[in-house]
Structures are given as C-alpha cells and as structure tokens.
C-alpha cells in the first residue's frame, strides 16, 4: 500500500516507533513501512526527528485530550454519612 499524505505517514511511523525505539528506526525502515522510498518520506519530513516530533505531537496531544476529557466527567458518590460529594 502506498501512502499518499502526511497524516498516513505519521500513523505508519507511530507503529514503527512503537515496535522499535527512535534510535533503531531508520529512515529507510520508516519509508518501507509507508510504502515509500527514502526520497518519498523525506518529501514529507526532511529529518527523522521531524517525523518523530509530528508523531509525538499527534499522539501525545491525543492522549492529553482524552485524559482531560476523562478528568472533567462529573464524579458522584455518597459517603457513609449520607453526604453527597460532587467533583
């Protein structure tokens, strides 16, 4: 499968970085995972660090948003004294 946009490259690269760490994941390995040549991936991300930062931005931000969304869900419980607390 050939990748045709930047977001798809980021998604495929995430899988590579999860399986390997940043140091072990070569630009060639990342390109192959995307069905691209080295030149093809460099078109989107000139340096491996640029790609890694894009992956981190997307997935860390996504996790942060999910955590914030969970944190603002109202919590209700009733204590043994019968008082209701709402947070």
PDB file of N, CA and C in Angstrom:
ATOM      1  N   UNK A   1       0.838  -1.182   0.000  1.00  0.00           N
ATOM      2  CA  UNK A   1       0.000   0.000   0.000  1.00  0.00           C
ATOM      3  C   UNK A   1       0.883   1.246   0.000  1.00  0.00           C
ATOM      4  N   UNK A   2       0.568   2.172  -0.853  1.00  0.00           N
ATOM      5  CA  UNK A   2       1.347   3.403  -0.955  1.00  0.00           C
ATOM      6  C   UNK A   2       0.645   4.504  -0.163  1.00  0.00           C
ATOM      7  N   UNK A   3       1.411   5.195   0.617  1.00  0.00           N
ATOM      8  CA  UNK A   3       0.899   6.299   1.423  1.00  0.00           C
ATOM      9  C   UNK A   3       0.855   7.552   0.559  1.00  0.00           C
ATOM     10  N   UNK A   4      -0.223   8.310   0.690  1.00  0.00           N
ATOM     11  CA  UNK A   4      -0.369   9.478  -0.178  1.00  0.00           C
ATOM     12  C   UNK A   4      -0.495  10.799   0.567  1.00  0.00           C
ATOM     13  N   UNK A   5      -0.454  10.765   1.898  1.00  0.00           N
ATOM     14  CA  UNK A   5      -0.498  12.044   2.601  1.00  0.00           C
ATOM     15  C   UNK A   5       0.273  11.996   3.920  1.00  0.00           C
ATOM     16  N   UNK A   6       0.511  13.150   4.441  1.00  0.00           N
ATOM     17  CA  UNK A   6       1.339  13.336   5.637  1.00  0.00           C
ATOM     18  C   UNK A   6       0.765  12.592   6.853  1.00  0.00           C
ATOM     19  N   UNK A   7      -0.545  12.655   7.047  1.00  0.00           N
ATOM     20  CA  UNK A   7      -1.173  12.000   8.199  1.00  0.00           C
ATOM     21  C   UNK A   7      -0.977  10.489   8.163  1.00  0.00           C
ATOM     22  N   UNK A   8      -1.046   9.908   6.983  1.00  0.00           N
ATOM     23  CA  UNK A   8      -0.825   8.472   6.860  1.00  0.00           C
ATOM     24  C   UNK A   8       0.620   8.117   7.199  1.00  0.00           C
ATOM     25  N   UNK A   9       1.552   8.966   6.816  1.00  0.00           N
ATOM     26  CA  UNK A   9       2.964   8.742   7.160  1.00  0.00           C
ATOM     27  C   UNK A   9       3.122   8.774   8.671  1.00  0.00           C
ATOM     28  N   UNK A  10       2.499   9.738   9.323  1.00  0.00           N
ATOM     29  CA  UNK A  10       2.583   9.853  10.787  1.00  0.00           C
ATOM     30  C   UNK A  10       2.001   8.603  11.443  1.00  0.00           C
ATOM     31  N   UNK A  11       0.862   8.143  10.961  1.00  0.00           N
ATOM     32  CA  UNK A  11       0.232   6.950  11.552  1.00  0.00           C
ATOM     33  C   UNK A  11       1.090   5.706  11.386  1.00  0.00           C
ATOM     34  N   UNK A  12       1.647   5.507  10.202  1.00  0.00           N
ATOM     35  CA  UNK A  12       2.516   4.343   9.973  1.00  0.00           C
ATOM     36  C   UNK A  12       3.802   4.452  10.790  1.00  0.00           C
ATOM     37  N   UNK A  13       4.348   5.652  10.869  1.00  0.00           N
ATOM     38  CA  UNK A  13       5.579   5.857  11.636  1.00  0.00           C
ATOM     39  C   UNK A  13       5.353   5.586  13.116  1.00  0.00           C
ATOM     40  N   UNK A  14       4.170   5.913  13.620  1.00  0.00           N
ATOM     41  CA  UNK A  14       3.850   5.621  15.020  1.00  0.00           C
ATOM     42  C   UNK A  14       4.032   4.138  15.302  1.00  0.00           C
ATOM     43  N   UNK A  15       3.522   3.286  14.407  1.00  0.00           N
ATOM     44  CA  UNK A  15       3.674   1.844  14.579  1.00  0.00           C
ATOM     45  C   UNK A  15       5.125   1.406  14.592  1.00  0.00           C
ATOM     46  N   UNK A  16       5.934   2.021  13.744  1.00  0.00           N
ATOM     47  CA  UNK A  16       7.367   1.684  13.703  1.00  0.00           C
ATOM     48  C   UNK A  16       8.039   2.116  14.995  1.00  0.00           C
ATOM     49  N   UNK A  17       7.757   3.321  15.452  1.00  0.00           N
ATOM     50  CA  UNK A  17       8.386   3.816  16.680  1.00  0.00           C
ATOM     51  C   UNK A  17       7.940   3.016  17.900  1.00  0.00           C
ATOM     52  N   UNK A  18       6.729   2.457  17.867  1.00  0.00           N
ATOM     53  CA  UNK A  18       6.265   1.619  18.972  1.00  0.00           C
ATOM     54  C   UNK A  18       7.027   0.295  18.984  1.00  0.00           C
ATOM     55  N   UNK A  19       7.210  -0.294  17.798  1.00  0.00           N
ATOM     56  CA  UNK A  19       7.923  -1.581  17.711  1.00  0.00           C
ATOM     57  C   UNK A  19       9.412  -1.421  17.974  1.00  0.00           C
ATOM     58  N   UNK A  20       9.973  -0.346  17.485  1.00  0.00           N
ATOM     59  CA  UNK A  20      11.402  -0.076  17.647  1.00  0.00           C
ATOM     60  C   UNK A  20      11.492   1.244  18.419  1.00  0.00           C
ATOM     61  N   UNK A  21      12.614   1.560  18.918  1.00  0.00           N
ATOM     62  CA  UNK A  21      12.734   2.884  19.507  1.00  0.00           C
ATOM     63  C   UNK A  21      13.240   3.870  18.458  1.00  0.00           C
ATOM     64  N   UNK A  22      13.331   5.110  18.829  1.00  0.00           N
ATOM     65  CA  UNK A  22      13.748   6.152  17.892  1.00  0.00           C
ATOM     66  C   UNK A  22      15.115   5.839  17.283  1.00  0.00           C
ATOM     67  N   UNK A  23      16.028   5.404  18.120  1.00  0.00           N
ATOM     68  CA  UNK A  23      17.396   5.145  17.656  1.00  0.00           C
ATOM     69  C   UNK A  23      17.461   4.019  16.629  1.00  0.00           C
ATOM     70  N   UNK A  24      16.678   2.974  16.822  1.00  0.00           N
ATOM     71  CA  UNK A  24      16.735   1.812  15.933  1.00  0.00           C
ATOM     72  C   UNK A  24      15.947   2.000  14.645  1.00  0.00           C
ATOM     73  N   UNK A  25      14.957   2.862  14.656  1.00  0.00           N
ATOM     74  CA  UNK A  25      14.114   3.069  13.476  1.00  0.00           C
ATOM     75  C   UNK A  25      14.852   3.957  12.477  1.00  0.00           C
ATOM     76  N   UNK A  26      15.296   3.364  11.398  1.00  0.00           N
ATOM     77  CA  UNK A  26      15.998   4.152  10.377  1.00  0.00           C
ATOM     78  C   UNK A  26      14.978   4.810   9.456  1.00  0.00           C
ATOM     79  N   UNK A  27      15.415   5.818   8.746  1.00  0.00           N
ATOM     80  CA  UNK A  27      14.540   6.496   7.798  1.00  0.00           C
ATOM     81  C   UNK A  27      14.103   5.522   6.697  1.00  0.00           C
ATOM     82  N   UNK A  28      14.986   4.577   6.357  1.00  0.00           N
ATOM     83  CA  UNK A  28      14.651   3.555   5.357  1.00  0.00           C
ATOM     84  C   UNK A  28      13.546   2.638   5.894  1.00  0.00           C
ATOM     85  N   UNK A  29      13.658   2.214   7.150  1.00  0.00           N
ATOM     86  CA  UNK A  29      12.636   1.367   7.770  1.00  0.00           C
ATOM     87  C   UNK A  29      11.300   2.097   7.815  1.00  0.00           C
ATOM     88  N   UNK A  30      11.341   3.364   8.180  1.00  0.00           N
ATOM     89  CA  UNK A  30      10.120   4.169   8.219  1.00  0.00           C
ATOM     90  C   UNK A  30       9.515   4.310   6.828  1.00  0.00           C
ATOM     91  N   UNK A  31      10.357   4.547   5.843  1.00  0.00           N
ATOM     92  CA  UNK A  31       9.881   4.693   4.464  1.00  0.00           C
ATOM     93  C   UNK A  31       9.233   3.395   3.981  1.00  0.00           C
ATOM     94  N   UNK A  32       9.867   2.254   4.241  1.00  0.00           N
ATOM     95  CA  UNK A  32       9.320   0.961   3.815  1.00  0.00           C
ATOM     96  C   UNK A  32       7.964   0.696   4.459  1.00  0.00           C
ATOM     97  N   UNK A  33       7.834   1.051   5.735  1.00  0.00           N
ATOM     98  CA  UNK A  33       6.555   0.859   6.434  1.00  0.00           C
ATOM     99  C   UNK A  33       5.439   1.670   5.788  1.00  0.00           C
ATOM    100  N   UNK A  34       5.823   2.756   5.148  1.00  0.00           N
ATOM    101  CA  UNK A  34       4.850   3.629   4.480  1.00  0.00           C
ATOM    102  C   UNK A  34       4.684   3.299   3.005  1.00  0.00           C
ATOM    103  N   UNK A  35       5.471   2.358   2.505  1.00  0.00           N
ATOM    104  CA  UNK A  35       5.423   2.032   1.083  1.00  0.00           C
ATOM    105  C   UNK A  35       6.057   3.113   0.226  1.00  0.00           C
ATOM    106  N   UNK A  36       6.995   3.840   0.819  1.00  0.00           N
ATOM    107  CA  UNK A  36       7.675   4.933   0.122  1.00  0.00           C
ATOM    108  C   UNK A  36       9.160   4.643  -0.004  1.00  0.00           C
ATOM    109  N   UNK A  37       9.812   5.413  -0.838  1.00  0.00           N
ATOM    110  CA  UNK A  37      11.273   5.401  -0.883  1.00  0.00           C
ATOM    111  C   UNK A  37      11.771   6.402   0.153  1.00  0.00           C
ATOM    112  N   UNK A  38      13.067   6.400   0.371  1.00  0.00           N
ATOM    113  CA  UNK A  38      13.648   7.385   1.285  1.00  0.00           C
ATOM    114  C   UNK A  38      13.322   8.799   0.803  1.00  0.00           C
ATOM    115  N   UNK A  39      13.435   9.021  -0.499  1.00  0.00           N
ATOM    116  CA  UNK A  39      13.112  10.332  -1.063  1.00  0.00           C
ATOM    117  C   UNK A  39      11.651  10.684  -0.827  1.00  0.00           C
ATOM    118  N   UNK A  40      10.773   9.691  -0.924  1.00  0.00           N
ATOM    119  CA  UNK A  40       9.348   9.924  -0.714  1.00  0.00           C
ATOM    120  C   UNK A  40       9.026  10.369   0.695  1.00  0.00           C
ATOM    121  N   UNK A  41       9.654   9.744   1.686  1.00  0.00           N
ATOM    122  CA  UNK A  41       9.375  10.129   3.076  1.00  0.00           C
ATOM    123  C   UNK A  41      10.031  11.469   3.412  1.00  0.00           C
ATOM    124  N   UNK A  42      11.199  11.719   2.818  1.00  0.00           N
ATOM    125  CA  UNK A  42      11.895  12.992   3.056  1.00  0.00           C
ATOM    126  C   UNK A  42      11.104  14.160   2.465  1.00  0.00           C
ATOM    127  N   UNK A  43      10.278  13.879   1.464  1.00  0.00           N
ATOM    128  CA  UNK A  43       9.399  14.912   0.908  1.00  0.00           C
ATOM    129  C   UNK A  43       8.484  15.464   2.004  1.00  0.00           C
ATOM    130  N   UNK A  44       7.964  14.580   2.853  1.00  0.00           N
ATOM    131  CA  UNK A  44       7.078  14.979   3.938  1.00  0.00           C
ATOM    132  C   UNK A  44       7.848  15.450   5.172  1.00  0.00           C
ATOM    133  N   UNK A  45       8.933  14.754   5.489  1.00  0.00           N
ATOM    134  CA  UNK A  45       9.719  15.037   6.695  1.00  0.00           C
ATOM    135  C   UNK A  45      11.202  14.972   6.354  1.00  0.00           C
ATOM    136  N   UNK A  46      11.870  16.115   6.254  1.00  0.00           N
ATOM    137  CA  UNK A  46      13.274  16.143   5.848  1.00  0.00           C
ATOM    138  C   UNK A  46      14.219  15.371   6.785  1.00  0.00           C
ATOM    139  N   UNK A  47      13.844  15.265   8.068  1.00  0.00           N
ATOM    140  CA  UNK A  47      14.697  14.587   9.051  1.00  0.00           C
ATOM    141  C   UNK A  47      13.854  13.637   9.893  1.00  0.00           C
ATOM    142  N   UNK A  48      14.465  12.581  10.356  1.00  0.00           N
ATOM    143  CA  UNK A  48      13.765  11.613  11.190  1.00  0.00           C
ATOM    144  C   UNK A  48      13.198  12.287  12.438  1.00  0.00           C
ATOM    145  N   UNK A  49      13.916  13.234  12.989  1.00  0.00           N
ATOM    146  CA  UNK A  49      13.437  13.946  14.175  1.00  0.00           C
ATOM    147  C   UNK A  49      12.153  14.718  13.875  1.00  0.00           C
ATOM    148  N   UNK A  50      12.046  15.291  12.682  1.00  0.00           N
ATOM    149  CA  UNK A  50      10.819  15.987  12.295  1.00  0.00           C
ATOM    150  C   UNK A  50       9.625  15.036  12.315  1.00  0.00           C
ATOM    151  N   UNK A  51       9.826  13.839  11.798  1.00  0.00           N
ATOM    152  CA  UNK A  51       8.765  12.838  11.783  1.00  0.00           C
ATOM    153  C   UNK A  51       8.430  12.391  13.202  1.00  0.00           C
ATOM    154  N   UNK A  52       9.438  12.153  13.990  1.00  0.00           N
ATOM    155  CA  UNK A  52       9.211  11.730  15.378  1.00  0.00           C
ATOM    156  C   UNK A  52       8.431  12.794  16.146  1.00  0.00           C
ATOM    157  N   UNK A  53       8.787  14.053  15.950  1.00  0.00           N
ATOM    158  CA  UNK A  53       8.086  15.144  16.640  1.00  0.00           C
ATOM    159  C   UNK A  53       6.630  15.223  16.180  1.00  0.00           C
ATOM    160  N   UNK A  54       6.373  14.995  14.902  1.00  0.00           N
ATOM    161  CA  UNK A  54       4.999  15.004  14.397  1.00  0.00           C
ATOM    162  C   UNK A  54       4.192  13.853  15.012  1.00  0.00           C
ATOM    163  N   UNK A  55       4.814  12.689  15.131  1.00  0.00           N
ATOM    164  CA  UNK A  55       4.161  11.537  15.758  1.00  0.00           C
ATOM    165  C   UNK A  55       3.865  11.851  17.224  1.00  0.00           C
ATOM    166  N   UNK A  56       4.856  12.376  17.930  1.00  0.00           N
ATOM    167  CA  UNK A  56       4.674  12.710  19.341  1.00  0.00           C
ATOM    168  C   UNK A  56       3.591  13.774  19.509  1.00  0.00           C
ATOM    169  N   UNK A  57       3.624  14.795  18.666  1.00  0.00           N
ATOM    170  CA  UNK A  57       2.605  15.846  18.747  1.00  0.00           C
ATOM    171  C   UNK A  57       1.207  15.269  18.581  1.00  0.00           C
ATOM    172  N   UNK A  58       1.041  14.418  17.595  1.00  0.00           N
ATOM    173  CA  UNK A  58      -0.289  13.864  17.325  1.00  0.00           C
ATOM    174  C   UNK A  58      -0.764  12.952  18.448  1.00  0.00           C
ATOM    175  N   UNK A  59       0.076  12.006  18.853  1.00  0.00           N
ATOM    176  CA  UNK A  59      -0.381  11.003  19.802  1.00  0.00           C
ATOM    177  C   UNK A  59      -0.318  11.465  21.249  1.00  0.00           C
ATOM    178  N   UNK A  60       0.640  12.277  21.615  1.00  0.00           N
ATOM    179  CA  UNK A  60       0.681  12.807  22.983  1.00  0.00           C
ATOM    180  C   UNK A  60      -0.459  13.794  23.178  1.00  0.00           C
ATOM    181  N   UNK A  61      -0.691  14.651  22.183  1.00  0.00           N
ATOM    182  CA  UNK A  61      -1.804  15.592  22.267  1.00  0.00           C
ATOM    183  C   UNK A  61      -3.126  14.846  22.343  1.00  0.00           C
ATOM    184  N   UNK A  62      -3.256  13.781  21.573  1.00  0.00           N
ATOM    185  CA  UNK A  62      -4.481  12.982  21.599  1.00  0.00           C
ATOM    186  C   UNK A  62      -4.684  12.358  22.981  1.00  0.00           C
ATOM    187  N   UNK A  63      -3.617  11.814  23.570  1.00  0.00           N
ATOM    188  CA  UNK A  63      -3.720  11.235  24.908  1.00  0.00           C
ATOM    189  C   UNK A  63      -4.073  12.306  25.930  1.00  0.00           C
ATOM    190  N   UNK A  64      -3.461  13.479  25.800  1.00  0.00           N
ATOM    191  CA  UNK A  64      -3.736  14.582  26.724  1.00  0.00           C
ATOM    192  C   UNK A  64      -5.213  14.974  26.647  1.00  0.00           C
ATOM    193  N   UNK A  65      -5.741  15.097  25.442  1.00  0.00           N
ATOM    194  CA  UNK A  65      -7.148  15.467  25.271  1.00  0.00           C
ATOM    195  C   UNK A  65      -8.063  14.405  25.872  1.00  0.00           C
ATOM    196  N   UNK A  66      -7.721  13.126  25.668  1.00  0.00           N
ATOM    197  CA  UNK A  66      -8.522  12.047  26.240  1.00  0.00           C
ATOM    198  C   UNK A  66      -8.503  12.102  27.763  1.00  0.00           C
ATOM    199  N   UNK A  67      -7.341  12.389  28.338  1.00  0.00           N
ATOM    200  CA  UNK A  67      -7.223  12.470  29.803  1.00  0.00           C
ATOM    201  C   UNK A  67      -8.005  13.658  30.340  1.00  0.00           C
ATOM    202  N   UNK A  68      -7.919  14.778  29.674  1.00  0.00           N
ATOM    203  CA  UNK A  68      -8.658  15.962  30.113  1.00  0.00           C
ATOM    204  C   UNK A  68     -10.152  15.685  30.037  1.00  0.00           C
ATOM    205  N   UNK A  69     -10.580  15.049  28.969  1.00  0.00           N
ATOM    206  CA  UNK A  69     -11.996  14.729  28.808  1.00  0.00           C
ATOM    207  C   UNK A  69     -12.456  13.816  29.938  1.00  0.00           C
ATOM    208  N   UNK A  70     -11.632  12.857  30.331  1.00  0.00           N
ATOM    209  CA  UNK A  70     -11.988  11.966  31.431  1.00  0.00           C
ATOM    210  C   UNK A  70     -11.981  12.704  32.766  1.00  0.00           C
ATOM    211  N   UNK A  71     -11.073  13.654  32.924  1.00  0.00           N
ATOM    212  CA  UNK A  71     -10.945  14.369  34.188  1.00  0.00           C
ATOM    213  C   UNK A  71     -12.121  15.295  34.448  1.00  0.00           C
ATOM    214  N   UNK A  72     -12.793  15.758  33.418  1.00  0.00           N
ATOM    215  CA  UNK A  72     -13.886  16.705  33.642  1.00  0.00           C
ATOM    216  C   UNK A  72     -15.248  16.025  33.736  1.00  0.00           C
ATOM    217  N   UNK A  73     -15.283  14.704  33.628  1.00  0.00           N
ATOM    218  CA  UNK A  73     -16.544  13.989  33.810  1.00  0.00           C
ATOM    219  C   UNK A  73     -16.930  14.098  35.277  1.00  0.00           C
ATOM    220  N   UNK A  74     -18.132  14.562  35.581  1.00  0.00           N
ATOM    221  CA  UNK A  74     -18.533  14.711  36.992  1.00  0.00           C
ATOM    222  C   UNK A  74     -18.525  13.372  37.712  1.00  0.00           C
ATOM    223  N   UNK A  75     -18.038  13.401  38.909  1.00  0.00           N
ATOM    224  CA  UNK A  75     -17.973  12.201  39.738  1.00  0.00           C
ATOM    225  C   UNK A  75     -18.920  12.402  40.910  1.00  0.00           C
ATOM    226  N   UNK A  76     -19.764  11.419  41.152  1.00  0.00           N
ATOM    227  CA  UNK A  76     -20.687  11.497  42.284  1.00  0.00           C
ATOM    228  C   UNK A  76     -20.509  10.250  43.143  1.00  0.00           C
ATOM    229  N   UNK A  77     -20.543  10.446  44.414  1.00  0.00           N
ATOM    230  CA  UNK A  77     -20.547   9.314  45.318  1.00  0.00           C
ATOM    231  C   UNK A  77     -21.208   9.732  46.605  1.00  0.00           C
ATOM    232  N   UNK A  78     -21.686   8.805  47.330  1.00  0.00           N
ATOM    233  CA  UNK A  78     -22.350   9.080  48.594  1.00  0.00           C
ATOM    234  C   UNK A  78     -21.491   8.474  49.704  1.00  0.00           C
ATOM    235  N   UNK A  79     -21.161   9.309  50.670  1.00  0.00           N
ATOM    236  CA  UNK A  79     -20.351   8.834  51.791  1.00  0.00           C
ATOM    237  C   UNK A  79     -21.225   8.023  52.737  1.00  0.00           C
ATOM    238  N   UNK A  80     -20.585   7.367  53.688  1.00  0.00           N
ATOM    239  CA  UNK A  80     -21.328   6.551  54.650  1.00  0.00           C
ATOM    240  C   UNK A  80     -22.227   7.415  55.526  1.00  0.00           C
ATOM    241  N   UNK A  81     -21.917   8.710  55.648  1.00  0.00           N
ATOM    242  CA  UNK A  81     -22.768   9.598  56.457  1.00  0.00           C
ATOM    243  C   UNK A  81     -23.961  10.121  55.664  1.00  0.00           C
ATOM    244  N   UNK A  82     -24.050   9.760  54.389  1.00  0.00           N
ATOM    245  CA  UNK A  82     -25.182  10.177  53.581  1.00  0.00           C
ATOM    246  C   UNK A  82     -24.934  11.449  52.783  1.00  0.00           C
ATOM    247  N   UNK A  83     -23.785  12.082  52.986  1.00  0.00           N
ATOM    248  CA  UNK A  83     -23.474  13.297  52.232  1.00  0.00           C
ATOM    249  C   UNK A  83     -23.087  12.934  50.807  1.00  0.00           C
ATOM    250  N   UNK A  84     -23.520  13.752  49.899  1.00  0.00           N
ATOM    251  CA  UNK A  84     -23.185  13.526  48.503  1.00  0.00           C
ATOM    252  C   UNK A  84     -22.071  14.493  48.129  1.00  0.00           C
ATOM    253  N   UNK A  85     -21.068  13.967  47.507  1.00  0.00           N
ATOM    254  CA  UNK A  85     -19.952  14.797  47.037  1.00  0.00           C
ATOM    255  C   UNK A  85     -19.979  14.798  45.536  1.00  0.00           C
ATOM    256  N   UNK A  86     -19.757  15.949  44.971  1.00  0.00           N
ATOM    257  CA  UNK A  86     -19.722  16.056  43.520  1.00  0.00           C
ATOM    258  C   UNK A  86     -18.445  16.774  43.131  1.00  0.00           C
ATOM    259  N   UNK A  87     -17.661  16.178  42.267  1.00  0.00           N
ATOM    260  CA  UNK A  87     -16.400  16.795  41.872  1.00  0.00           C
ATOM    261  C   UNK A  87     -16.345  17.114  40.441  1.00  0.00           C
TER     262      UNK A  87
END
